[in-house]
Amino acid sequence: MKRLFFLIVASWMTLASLNSFASSTEWQSLNGDVQKLLQPFEKRWDDMPDAKKEKLVAGANRWLSMTPEQRSVASERFKKWQSLTPEQRAKLNNRFEKFKQLPPEERKRLRKAFARFKNMSPEQKARLRERFRKMSPEQKKQFLKRMKKRQQHKKSRRG
């Protein structure tokens, strides 16, 4: 009897959540600001897969929550993304997938290294790039190994 009750309740909850999802992706149920942003999709909205609608609504909500400065940065990044070739996009997507699979500490280390690189002057960046470009594959491997070891040493001294 408990099992039957559990199945009935679980089924009811599943149906309720499906209904809620379906109504949340209906064009009429979107708030005015989201509809305004997604207006180019209105005519084909009903023909779109729910997963696509969900991504679009999430993106619109994310956009609406941004400051004007954040929107400006996002617009520039989007323009840059649009200018890439399909091969370049695929390469970046592949790198991002690899990055997401790294352990959290390694991702944190790479973010810090990138932040340091971004804060360098254009001359420093050019010198670093040129130095790295002139290295053999083995030298590059050893250099990266030393950098990783140096970061681990700094971390162990702090902790």
Protein backbone atom coordinates (compact mmCIF):
# COMPACT_ATOMS: atom_id res chain seq x y z
CA MET A 1 0.00 0.00 0.00
CA LYS A 2 2.83 2.42 0.89
CA ARG A 3 4.48 1.59 -2.41
CA LEU A 4 1.32 2.36 -4.39
CA PHE A 5 0.89 5.61 -2.50
CA PHE A 6 4.52 6.55 -3.23
CA LEU A 7 4.06 5.81 -6.95
CA ILE A 8 0.91 7.91 -7.13
CA VAL A 9 2.56 10.85 -5.35
CA ALA A 10 5.71 10.58 -7.49
CA SER A 11 3.62 10.48 -10.67
CA TRP A 12 1.59 13.46 -9.58
CA MET A 13 4.75 15.45 -8.75
CA THR A 14 6.30 14.59 -12.11
CA LEU A 15 3.18 15.68 -13.99
CA ALA A 16 2.98 18.87 -11.96
CA SER A 17 6.60 19.76 -12.69
CA LEU A 18 6.14 19.02 -16.41
CA ASN A 19 3.07 21.23 -16.47
CA SER A 20 4.97 23.96 -14.68
CA PHE A 21 7.85 23.73 -17.16
CA ALA A 22 5.53 23.75 -20.16
CA SER A 23 3.69 26.82 -18.94
CA SER A 24 6.94 28.60 -18.03
CA THR A 25 8.11 28.31 -21.63
CA GLU A 26 4.83 29.45 -23.18
CA TRP A 27 5.36 32.80 -24.89
CA GLN A 28 2.46 34.39 -23.02
CA SER A 29 3.88 33.36 -19.64
CA LEU A 30 7.20 35.19 -20.19
CA ASN A 31 7.47 38.58 -18.54
CA GLY A 32 7.49 41.67 -20.73
CA ASP A 33 11.23 42.35 -20.50
CA VAL A 34 12.09 38.77 -21.48
CA GLN A 35 9.58 38.87 -24.35
CA LYS A 36 11.12 42.12 -25.57
CA LEU A 37 14.61 40.60 -25.62
CA LEU A 38 13.43 37.39 -27.27
CA GLN A 39 11.09 39.13 -29.73
CA PRO A 40 13.07 37.90 -32.80
CA PHE A 41 12.12 34.32 -31.77
CA GLU A 42 8.41 34.95 -31.18
CA LYS A 43 7.12 33.69 -34.54
CA ARG A 44 8.94 30.36 -34.26
CA TRP A 45 8.71 30.03 -30.46
CA ASP A 46 6.04 27.31 -30.48
CA ASP A 47 8.09 25.20 -32.91
CA MET A 48 11.28 25.33 -30.84
CA PRO A 49 12.36 22.45 -28.59
CA ASP A 50 11.76 23.14 -24.90
CA ALA A 51 15.48 22.85 -24.14
CA LYS A 52 16.23 25.69 -26.58
CA LYS A 53 13.45 27.83 -25.10
CA GLU A 54 14.80 27.21 -21.61
CA LYS A 55 18.31 28.29 -22.65
CA LEU A 56 17.00 31.42 -24.32
CA VAL A 57 14.90 32.40 -21.29
CA ALA A 58 17.86 31.74 -18.95
CA GLY A 59 20.10 33.87 -21.17
CA ALA A 60 17.55 36.68 -21.28
CA ASN A 61 17.21 36.63 -17.49
CA ARG A 62 20.99 36.65 -17.11
CA TRP A 63 21.19 39.64 -19.48
CA LEU A 64 18.51 41.52 -17.56
CA SER A 65 20.39 40.98 -14.29
CA MET A 66 23.62 42.53 -15.68
CA THR A 67 24.82 46.06 -15.11
CA PRO A 68 25.27 48.28 -18.19
CA GLU A 69 29.03 47.73 -17.95
CA GLN A 70 28.61 43.94 -17.83
CA ARG A 71 26.26 44.12 -20.83
CA SER A 72 28.86 46.09 -22.77
CA VAL A 73 31.55 43.49 -22.03
CA ALA A 74 29.17 40.65 -22.92
CA SER A 75 28.23 42.34 -26.20
CA GLU A 76 31.88 42.74 -27.17
CA ARG A 77 32.59 39.09 -26.34
CA PHE A 78 29.60 37.99 -28.38
CA LYS A 79 30.73 40.05 -31.37
CA LYS A 80 34.19 38.50 -31.08
CA TRP A 81 32.64 35.00 -30.87
CA GLN A 82 30.51 35.70 -33.95
CA SER A 83 33.61 36.72 -35.91
CA LEU A 84 35.34 33.37 -35.28
CA THR A 85 35.33 30.62 -37.86
CA PRO A 86 33.47 27.38 -37.02
CA GLU A 87 36.88 25.70 -36.57
CA GLN A 88 38.01 28.34 -34.09
CA ARG A 89 34.76 28.03 -32.15
CA ALA A 90 35.09 24.25 -32.05
CA LYS A 91 38.67 24.57 -30.79
CA LEU A 92 37.60 26.97 -28.03
CA ASN A 93 34.66 24.77 -27.05
CA ASN A 94 37.02 21.79 -26.85
CA ARG A 95 39.45 23.72 -24.64
CA PHE A 96 36.61 24.85 -22.39
CA GLU A 97 35.38 21.26 -22.00
CA LYS A 98 38.90 20.18 -21.03
CA PHE A 99 39.12 23.08 -18.57
CA LYS A 100 35.82 22.07 -16.93
CA GLN A 101 37.18 18.56 -16.39
CA LEU A 102 40.23 19.80 -14.47
CA PRO A 103 40.24 19.56 -10.69
CA PRO A 104 38.97 22.75 -8.98
CA GLU A 105 42.44 23.65 -7.66
CA GLU A 106 43.94 23.44 -11.14
CA ARG A 107 41.15 25.62 -12.58
CA LYS A 108 41.76 28.15 -9.82
CA ARG A 109 45.50 28.16 -10.56
CA LEU A 110 44.88 28.72 -14.27
CA ARG A 111 42.44 31.56 -13.58
CA LYS A 112 45.02 33.28 -11.37
CA ALA A 113 47.72 32.85 -14.00
CA PHE A 114 45.43 34.30 -16.64
CA ALA A 115 44.58 37.25 -14.39
CA ARG A 116 48.31 37.93 -13.91
CA PHE A 117 48.81 37.78 -17.68
CA LYS A 118 45.90 40.18 -18.28
CA ASN A 119 47.45 42.67 -15.85
CA MET A 120 50.78 42.73 -17.71
CA SER A 121 51.65 45.64 -19.95
CA PRO A 122 51.42 45.02 -23.71
CA GLU A 123 55.24 44.99 -23.85
CA GLN A 124 55.50 42.37 -21.11
CA LYS A 125 52.90 40.21 -22.85
CA ALA A 126 54.76 40.50 -26.16
CA ARG A 127 58.09 39.55 -24.54
CA LEU A 128 56.51 36.56 -22.77
CA ARG A 129 54.79 35.36 -25.97
CA GLU A 130 58.00 35.72 -27.98
CA ARG A 131 60.03 33.89 -25.36
CA PHE A 132 57.51 31.05 -25.26
CA ARG A 133 57.25 30.93 -29.07
CA LYS A 134 61.04 30.45 -29.38
CA MET A 135 61.07 27.45 -27.02
CA SER A 136 61.19 23.90 -28.28
CA PRO A 137 58.26 21.63 -27.34
CA GLU A 138 60.41 20.04 -24.63
CA GLN A 139 61.44 23.45 -23.25
CA LYS A 140 57.79 24.53 -23.20
CA LYS A 141 56.87 21.38 -21.30
CA GLN A 142 59.66 21.97 -18.74
CA PHE A 143 58.74 25.65 -18.40
CA LEU A 144 55.11 24.83 -17.67
CA LYS A 145 56.20 22.15 -15.21
CA ARG A 146 58.41 24.69 -13.36
CA MET A 147 55.58 27.23 -13.27
CA LYS A 148 53.22 24.65 -11.80
CA LYS A 149 55.81 23.60 -9.20
CA ARG A 150 56.43 27.25 -8.30
CA GLN A 151 52.68 27.80 -7.77
CA GLN A 152 52.43 24.70 -5.58
CA HIS A 153 55.41 25.87 -3.54
CA LYS A 154 53.82 29.32 -3.02
CA LYS A 155 50.56 27.67 -1.98
CA SER A 156 52.26 25.35 0.52
CA ARG A 157 54.10 28.31 2.12
CA ARG A 158 50.79 30.16 2.57
CA GLY A 159 48.85 27.17 3.87
